[in-house]
Amino acid sequence: MLPALLVQGLRLLEDDALGGGGSRGNGRVSFDNLKLTWRGRDYYASGADEREVASGADLAGLRARVAEVGDSLVAA
């Protein structure tokens, strides 16, 4: 599922160091206050409302919410 894959990529980025300075504590990345909005097929086809899945979450909270709603995003 695409949202779960996106969260996995963000987690990998948090565990990495950008710019080669990770051993010195430079280049650390953290994601906070995230908002995930889902726009299903009907959003584009017929103007249906978008669906807010999570708001104000850190990466762990976003991951939990994506796992909770699961495949219902794709079916919506």
PDB file of N, CA and C in Angstrom:
ATOM      1  N   MET A   1       0.839  -1.165   0.000  1.00  0.00           N
ATOM      2  CA  MET A   1       0.000   0.000   0.000  1.00  0.00           C
ATOM      3  C   MET A   1       0.893   1.241   0.000  1.00  0.00           C
ATOM      4  N   LEU A   2       0.565   2.201  -0.802  1.00  0.00           N
ATOM      5  CA  LEU A   2       1.393   3.385  -0.992  1.00  0.00           C
ATOM      6  C   LEU A   2       1.636   4.189   0.286  1.00  0.00           C
ATOM      7  N   PRO A   3       0.626   4.497   1.108  1.00  0.00           N
ATOM      8  CA  PRO A   3       0.919   5.259   2.334  1.00  0.00           C
ATOM      9  C   PRO A   3       1.907   4.550   3.265  1.00  0.00           C
ATOM     10  N   ALA A   4       1.801   3.246   3.398  1.00  0.00           N
ATOM     11  CA  ALA A   4       2.735   2.502   4.249  1.00  0.00           C
ATOM     12  C   ALA A   4       4.151   2.560   3.676  1.00  0.00           C
ATOM     13  N   LEU A   5       4.268   2.505   2.372  1.00  0.00           N
ATOM     14  CA  LEU A   5       5.578   2.589   1.724  1.00  0.00           C
ATOM     15  C   LEU A   5       6.187   3.984   1.922  1.00  0.00           C
ATOM     16  N   LEU A   6       5.353   5.003   1.867  1.00  0.00           N
ATOM     17  CA  LEU A   6       5.812   6.369   2.110  1.00  0.00           C
ATOM     18  C   LEU A   6       6.336   6.519   3.537  1.00  0.00           C
ATOM     19  N   VAL A   7       5.608   5.993   4.510  1.00  0.00           N
ATOM     20  CA  VAL A   7       6.044   6.061   5.908  1.00  0.00           C
ATOM     21  C   VAL A   7       7.355   5.310   6.084  1.00  0.00           C
ATOM     22  N   GLN A   8       7.489   4.167   5.443  1.00  0.00           N
ATOM     23  CA  GLN A   8       8.734   3.402   5.527  1.00  0.00           C
ATOM     24  C   GLN A   8       9.907   4.223   4.982  1.00  0.00           C
ATOM     25  N   GLY A   9       9.701   4.901   3.876  1.00  0.00           N
ATOM     26  CA  GLY A   9      10.753   5.743   3.309  1.00  0.00           C
ATOM     27  C   GLY A   9      11.143   6.889   4.229  1.00  0.00           C
ATOM     28  N   LEU A  10      10.148   7.501   4.880  1.00  0.00           N
ATOM     29  CA  LEU A  10      10.443   8.579   5.825  1.00  0.00           C
ATOM     30  C   LEU A  10      11.209   8.060   7.036  1.00  0.00           C
ATOM     31  N   ARG A  11      10.862   6.859   7.494  1.00  0.00           N
ATOM     32  CA  ARG A  11      11.598   6.259   8.623  1.00  0.00           C
ATOM     33  C   ARG A  11      13.056   5.995   8.248  1.00  0.00           C
ATOM     34  N   LEU A  12      13.278   5.516   7.031  1.00  0.00           N
ATOM     35  CA  LEU A  12      14.647   5.285   6.571  1.00  0.00           C
ATOM     36  C   LEU A  12      15.431   6.594   6.508  1.00  0.00           C
ATOM     37  N   LEU A  13      14.773   7.651   6.067  1.00  0.00           N
ATOM     38  CA  LEU A  13      15.427   8.952   6.000  1.00  0.00           C
ATOM     39  C   LEU A  13      15.786   9.462   7.393  1.00  0.00           C
ATOM     40  N   GLU A  14      14.902   9.264   8.372  1.00  0.00           N
ATOM     41  CA  GLU A  14      15.213   9.663   9.748  1.00  0.00           C
ATOM     42  C   GLU A  14      16.407   8.895  10.308  1.00  0.00           C
ATOM     43  N   ASP A  15      16.566   7.644   9.915  1.00  0.00           N
ATOM     44  CA  ASP A  15      17.670   6.825  10.425  1.00  0.00           C
ATOM     45  C   ASP A  15      18.989   7.097   9.703  1.00  0.00           C
ATOM     46  N   ASP A  16      18.947   7.877   8.649  1.00  0.00           N
ATOM     47  CA  ASP A  16      20.130   8.173   7.855  1.00  0.00           C
ATOM     48  C   ASP A  16      20.644   9.568   8.228  1.00  0.00           C
ATOM     49  N   ALA A  17      21.801   9.893   7.741  1.00  0.00           N
ATOM     50  CA  ALA A  17      22.346  11.239   7.912  1.00  0.00           C
ATOM     51  C   ALA A  17      22.618  11.816   6.526  1.00  0.00           C
ATOM     52  N   LEU A  18      22.122  13.001   6.284  1.00  0.00           N
ATOM     53  CA  LEU A  18      22.306  13.637   4.994  1.00  0.00           C
ATOM     54  C   LEU A  18      23.617  14.409   4.959  1.00  0.00           C
ATOM     55  N   GLY A  19      24.288  14.383   3.842  1.00  0.00           N
ATOM     56  CA  GLY A  19      25.493  15.182   3.662  1.00  0.00           C
ATOM     57  C   GLY A  19      26.763  14.590   4.228  1.00  0.00           C
ATOM     58  N   GLY A  20      26.744  13.368   4.684  1.00  0.00           N
ATOM     59  CA  GLY A  20      27.964  12.694   5.116  1.00  0.00           C
ATOM     60  C   GLY A  20      28.485  13.106   6.483  1.00  0.00           C
ATOM     61  N   GLY A  21      27.717  13.818   7.287  1.00  0.00           N
ATOM     62  CA  GLY A  21      28.214  14.253   8.596  1.00  0.00           C
ATOM     63  C   GLY A  21      27.555  13.535   9.753  1.00  0.00           C
ATOM     64  N   GLY A  22      26.991  12.382   9.532  1.00  0.00           N
ATOM     65  CA  GLY A  22      26.235  11.678  10.557  1.00  0.00           C
ATOM     66  C   GLY A  22      27.033  11.305  11.786  1.00  0.00           C
ATOM     67  N   SER A  23      28.299  10.960  11.620  1.00  0.00           N
ATOM     68  CA  SER A  23      29.095  10.561  12.783  1.00  0.00           C
ATOM     69  C   SER A  23      29.375  11.751  13.704  1.00  0.00           C
ATOM     70  N   ARG A  24      29.239  12.951  13.188  1.00  0.00           N
ATOM     71  CA  ARG A  24      29.439  14.157  13.996  1.00  0.00           C
ATOM     72  C   ARG A  24      28.114  14.767  14.436  1.00  0.00           C
ATOM     73  N   GLY A  25      27.014  14.089  14.147  1.00  0.00           N
ATOM     74  CA  GLY A  25      25.705  14.584  14.550  1.00  0.00           C
ATOM     75  C   GLY A  25      25.083  15.577  13.590  1.00  0.00           C
ATOM     76  N   ASN A  26      25.710  15.813  12.472  1.00  0.00           N
ATOM     77  CA  ASN A  26      25.168  16.728  11.472  1.00  0.00           C
ATOM     78  C   ASN A  26      24.272  15.979  10.498  1.00  0.00           C
ATOM     79  N   GLY A  27      23.369  16.683   9.894  1.00  0.00           N
ATOM     80  CA  GLY A  27      22.543  16.085   8.852  1.00  0.00           C
ATOM     81  C   GLY A  27      21.408  15.222   9.359  1.00  0.00           C
ATOM     82  N   ARG A  28      21.077  15.336  10.637  1.00  0.00           N
ATOM     83  CA  ARG A  28      19.985  14.540  11.194  1.00  0.00           C
ATOM     84  C   ARG A  28      18.653  15.114  10.729  1.00  0.00           C
ATOM     85  N   VAL A  29      17.700  14.225  10.446  1.00  0.00           N
ATOM     86  CA  VAL A  29      16.383  14.625   9.956  1.00  0.00           C
ATOM     87  C   VAL A  29      15.325  14.051  10.889  1.00  0.00           C
ATOM     88  N   SER A  30      14.316  14.863  11.191  1.00  0.00           N
ATOM     89  CA  SER A  30      13.212  14.432  12.028  1.00  0.00           C
ATOM     90  C   SER A  30      11.920  14.992  11.443  1.00  0.00           C
ATOM     91  N   PHE A  31      10.868  14.192  11.474  1.00  0.00           N
ATOM     92  CA  PHE A  31       9.569  14.622  10.953  1.00  0.00           C
ATOM     93  C   PHE A  31       8.583  14.748  12.113  1.00  0.00           C
ATOM     94  N   ASP A  32       7.972  15.911  12.237  1.00  0.00           N
ATOM     95  CA  ASP A  32       6.980  16.182  13.282  1.00  0.00           C
ATOM     96  C   ASP A  32       5.815  16.941  12.662  1.00  0.00           C
ATOM     97  N   ASN A  33       4.691  16.936  13.366  1.00  0.00           N
ATOM     98  CA  ASN A  33       3.520  17.693  12.953  1.00  0.00           C
ATOM     99  C   ASN A  33       3.101  17.354  11.513  1.00  0.00           C
ATOM    100  N   LEU A  34       3.036  16.062  11.233  1.00  0.00           N
ATOM    101  CA  LEU A  34       2.702  15.593   9.888  1.00  0.00           C
ATOM    102  C   LEU A  34       1.196  15.565   9.667  1.00  0.00           C
ATOM    103  N   LYS A  35       0.806  15.746   8.431  1.00  0.00           N
ATOM    104  CA  LYS A  35      -0.596  15.644   8.050  1.00  0.00           C
ATOM    105  C   LYS A  35      -0.666  14.758   6.803  1.00  0.00           C
ATOM    106  N   LEU A  36      -1.520  13.737   6.867  1.00  0.00           N
ATOM    107  CA  LEU A  36      -1.721  12.848   5.728  1.00  0.00           C
ATOM    108  C   LEU A  36      -3.156  12.999   5.249  1.00  0.00           C
ATOM    109  N   THR A  37      -3.297  13.395   3.993  1.00  0.00           N
ATOM    110  CA  THR A  37      -4.606  13.559   3.375  1.00  0.00           C
ATOM    111  C   THR A  37      -4.684  12.618   2.187  1.00  0.00           C
ATOM    112  N   TRP A  38      -5.776  11.856   2.131  1.00  0.00           N
ATOM    113  CA  TRP A  38      -5.967  10.890   1.051  1.00  0.00           C
ATOM    114  C   TRP A  38      -6.951  11.448   0.028  1.00  0.00           C
ATOM    115  N   ARG A  39      -6.562  11.388  -1.222  1.00  0.00           N
ATOM    116  CA  ARG A  39      -7.436  11.759  -2.325  1.00  0.00           C
ATOM    117  C   ARG A  39      -7.639  10.519  -3.179  1.00  0.00           C
ATOM    118  N   GLY A  40      -8.792   9.916  -3.021  1.00  0.00           N
ATOM    119  CA  GLY A  40      -9.106   8.703  -3.765  1.00  0.00           C
ATOM    120  C   GLY A  40      -9.487   8.989  -5.208  1.00  0.00           C
ATOM    121  N   ARG A  41      -9.789   7.962  -5.922  1.00  0.00           N
ATOM    122  CA  ARG A  41     -10.153   8.067  -7.328  1.00  0.00           C
ATOM    123  C   ARG A  41     -11.341   9.018  -7.529  1.00  0.00           C
ATOM    124  N   ASP A  42     -12.326   8.943  -6.616  1.00  0.00           N
ATOM    125  CA  ASP A  42     -13.514   9.788  -6.736  1.00  0.00           C
ATOM    126  C   ASP A  42     -13.204  11.274  -6.585  1.00  0.00           C
ATOM    127  N   TYR A  43     -12.136  11.598  -5.890  1.00  0.00           N
ATOM    128  CA  TYR A  43     -11.742  12.998  -5.747  1.00  0.00           C
ATOM    129  C   TYR A  43     -11.481  13.603  -7.130  1.00  0.00           C
ATOM    130  N   TYR A  44     -10.803  12.847  -7.963  1.00  0.00           N
ATOM    131  CA  TYR A  44     -10.434  13.324  -9.292  1.00  0.00           C
ATOM    132  C   TYR A  44     -11.542  13.107 -10.319  1.00  0.00           C
ATOM    133  N   ALA A  45     -12.298  12.043 -10.148  1.00  0.00           N
ATOM    134  CA  ALA A  45     -13.333  11.718 -11.127  1.00  0.00           C
ATOM    135  C   ALA A  45     -14.604  12.545 -10.951  1.00  0.00           C
ATOM    136  N   SER A  46     -15.010  12.748  -9.697  1.00  0.00           N
ATOM    137  CA  SER A  46     -16.303  13.402  -9.502  1.00  0.00           C
ATOM    138  C   SER A  46     -16.289  14.520  -8.463  1.00  0.00           C
ATOM    139  N   GLY A  47     -15.112  14.914  -8.001  1.00  0.00           N
ATOM    140  CA  GLY A  47     -15.021  16.018  -7.054  1.00  0.00           C
ATOM    141  C   GLY A  47     -15.371  15.665  -5.621  1.00  0.00           C
ATOM    142  N   ALA A  48     -15.275  14.388  -5.250  1.00  0.00           N
ATOM    143  CA  ALA A  48     -15.541  13.977  -3.868  1.00  0.00           C
ATOM    144  C   ALA A  48     -14.533  14.629  -2.928  1.00  0.00           C
ATOM    145  N   ASP A  49     -14.892  14.708  -1.652  1.00  0.00           N
ATOM    146  CA  ASP A  49     -14.011  15.314  -0.653  1.00  0.00           C
ATOM    147  C   ASP A  49     -12.759  14.479  -0.428  1.00  0.00           C
ATOM    148  N   GLU A  50     -11.667  15.181  -0.086  1.00  0.00           N
ATOM    149  CA  GLU A  50     -10.473  14.463   0.343  1.00  0.00           C
ATOM    150  C   GLU A  50     -10.678  14.024   1.788  1.00  0.00           C
ATOM    151  N   ARG A  51      -9.872  13.048   2.215  1.00  0.00           N
ATOM    152  CA  ARG A  51     -10.033  12.464   3.544  1.00  0.00           C
ATOM    153  C   ARG A  51      -8.767  12.680   4.360  1.00  0.00           C
ATOM    154  N   GLU A  52      -8.890  13.389   5.487  1.00  0.00           N
ATOM    155  CA  GLU A  52      -7.742  13.581   6.367  1.00  0.00           C
ATOM    156  C   GLU A  52      -7.561  12.322   7.201  1.00  0.00           C
ATOM    157  N   VAL A  53      -6.413  11.694   7.080  1.00  0.00           N
ATOM    158  CA  VAL A  53      -6.141  10.438   7.765  1.00  0.00           C
ATOM    159  C   VAL A  53      -5.465  10.695   9.105  1.00  0.00           C
ATOM    160  N   ALA A  54      -4.521  11.601   9.127  1.00  0.00           N
ATOM    161  CA  ALA A  54      -3.804  11.922  10.365  1.00  0.00           C
ATOM    162  C   ALA A  54      -3.363  13.371  10.309  1.00  0.00           C
ATOM    163  N   SER A  55      -3.338  14.007  11.475  1.00  0.00           N
ATOM    164  CA  SER A  55      -2.916  15.399  11.544  1.00  0.00           C
ATOM    165  C   SER A  55      -2.183  15.635  12.861  1.00  0.00           C
ATOM    166  N   GLY A  56      -1.081  16.380  12.794  1.00  0.00           N
ATOM    167  CA  GLY A  56      -0.316  16.693  13.990  1.00  0.00           C
ATOM    168  C   GLY A  56       0.504  15.540  14.521  1.00  0.00           C
ATOM    169  N   ALA A  57       0.665  14.529  13.744  1.00  0.00           N
ATOM    170  CA  ALA A  57       1.346  13.314  14.202  1.00  0.00           C
ATOM    171  C   ALA A  57       2.849  13.394  13.956  1.00  0.00           C
ATOM    172  N   ASP A  58       3.596  12.693  14.802  1.00  0.00           N
ATOM    173  CA  ASP A  58       4.995  12.454  14.481  1.00  0.00           C
ATOM    174  C   ASP A  58       5.024  11.207  13.606  1.00  0.00           C
ATOM    175  N   LEU A  59       6.194  10.777  13.232  1.00  0.00           N
ATOM    176  CA  LEU A  59       6.287   9.650  12.299  1.00  0.00           C
ATOM    177  C   LEU A  59       5.732   8.364  12.894  1.00  0.00           C
ATOM    178  N   ALA A  60       5.938   8.132  14.190  1.00  0.00           N
ATOM    179  CA  ALA A  60       5.401   6.925  14.834  1.00  0.00           C
ATOM    180  C   ALA A  60       3.873   6.962  14.848  1.00  0.00           C
ATOM    181  N   GLY A  61       3.305   8.129  15.139  1.00  0.00           N
ATOM    182  CA  GLY A  61       1.857   8.268  15.136  1.00  0.00           C
ATOM    183  C   GLY A  61       1.268   8.100  13.749  1.00  0.00           C
ATOM    184  N   LEU A  62       1.948   8.630  12.753  1.00  0.00           N
ATOM    185  CA  LEU A  62       1.490   8.479  11.371  1.00  0.00           C
ATOM    186  C   LEU A  62       1.537   7.013  10.949  1.00  0.00           C
ATOM    187  N   ARG A  63       2.599   6.336  11.337  1.00  0.00           N
ATOM    188  CA  ARG A  63       2.731   4.913  11.007  1.00  0.00           C
ATOM    189  C   ARG A  63       1.601   4.102  11.631  1.00  0.00           C
ATOM    190  N   ALA A  64       1.294   4.389  12.884  1.00  0.00           N
ATOM    191  CA  ALA A  64       0.214   3.675  13.574  1.00  0.00           C
ATOM    192  C   ALA A  64      -1.130   3.943  12.904  1.00  0.00           C
ATOM    193  N   ARG A  65      -1.375   5.179  12.521  1.00  0.00           N
ATOM    194  CA  ARG A  65      -2.648   5.533  11.890  1.00  0.00           C
ATOM    195  C   ARG A  65      -2.778   4.887  10.521  1.00  0.00           C
ATOM    196  N   VAL A  66      -1.712   4.843   9.748  1.00  0.00           N
ATOM    197  CA  VAL A  66      -1.743   4.197   8.433  1.00  0.00           C
ATOM    198  C   VAL A  66      -2.015   2.703   8.601  1.00  0.00           C
ATOM    199  N   ALA A  67      -1.409   2.076   9.606  1.00  0.00           N
ATOM    200  CA  ALA A  67      -1.650   0.662   9.855  1.00  0.00           C
ATOM    201  C   ALA A  67      -3.093   0.432  10.282  1.00  0.00           C
ATOM    202  N   GLU A  68      -3.651   1.378  11.022  1.00  0.00           N
ATOM    203  CA  GLU A  68      -5.035   1.253  11.513  1.00  0.00           C
ATOM    204  C   GLU A  68      -6.056   1.326  10.372  1.00  0.00           C
ATOM    205  N   VAL A  69      -5.875   2.271   9.477  1.00  0.00           N
ATOM    206  CA  VAL A  69      -6.856   2.431   8.396  1.00  0.00           C
ATOM    207  C   VAL A  69      -6.624   1.451   7.253  1.00  0.00           C
ATOM    208  N   GLY A  70      -5.388   0.994   7.121  1.00  0.00           N
ATOM    209  CA  GLY A  70      -5.040  -0.054   6.172  1.00  0.00           C
ATOM    210  C   GLY A  70      -5.581   0.143   4.772  1.00  0.00           C
ATOM    211  N   ASP A  71      -6.175  -0.911   4.251  1.00  0.00           N
ATOM    212  CA  ASP A  71      -6.640  -0.916   2.869  1.00  0.00           C
ATOM    213  C   ASP A  71      -7.920  -0.112   2.662  1.00  0.00           C
ATOM    214  N   SER A  72      -8.515   0.420   3.726  1.00  0.00           N
ATOM    215  CA  SER A  72      -9.726   1.206   3.550  1.00  0.00           C
ATOM    216  C   SER A  72      -9.463   2.477   2.747  1.00  0.00           C
ATOM    217  N   LEU A  73      -8.202   2.941   2.732  1.00  0.00           N
ATOM    218  CA  LEU A  73      -7.881   4.108   1.923  1.00  0.00           C
ATOM    219  C   LEU A  73      -8.061   3.826   0.442  1.00  0.00           C
ATOM    220  N   VAL A  74      -7.598   2.690   0.013  1.00  0.00           N
ATOM    221  CA  VAL A  74      -7.669   2.349  -1.410  1.00  0.00           C
ATOM    222  C   VAL A  74      -9.110   2.099  -1.822  1.00  0.00           C
ATOM    223  N   ALA A  75      -9.909   1.521  -0.934  1.00  0.00           N
ATOM    224  CA  ALA A  75     -11.290   1.216  -1.259  1.00  0.00           C
ATOM    225  C   ALA A  75     -12.162   2.459  -1.286  1.00  0.00           C
ATOM    226  N   ALA A  76     -11.710   3.525  -0.628  1.00  0.00           N
ATOM    227  CA  ALA A  76     -12.533   4.744  -0.538  1.00  0.00           C
ATOM    228  C   ALA A  76     -12.527   5.536  -1.822  1.00  0.00           C
TER     229      ALA A  76
END
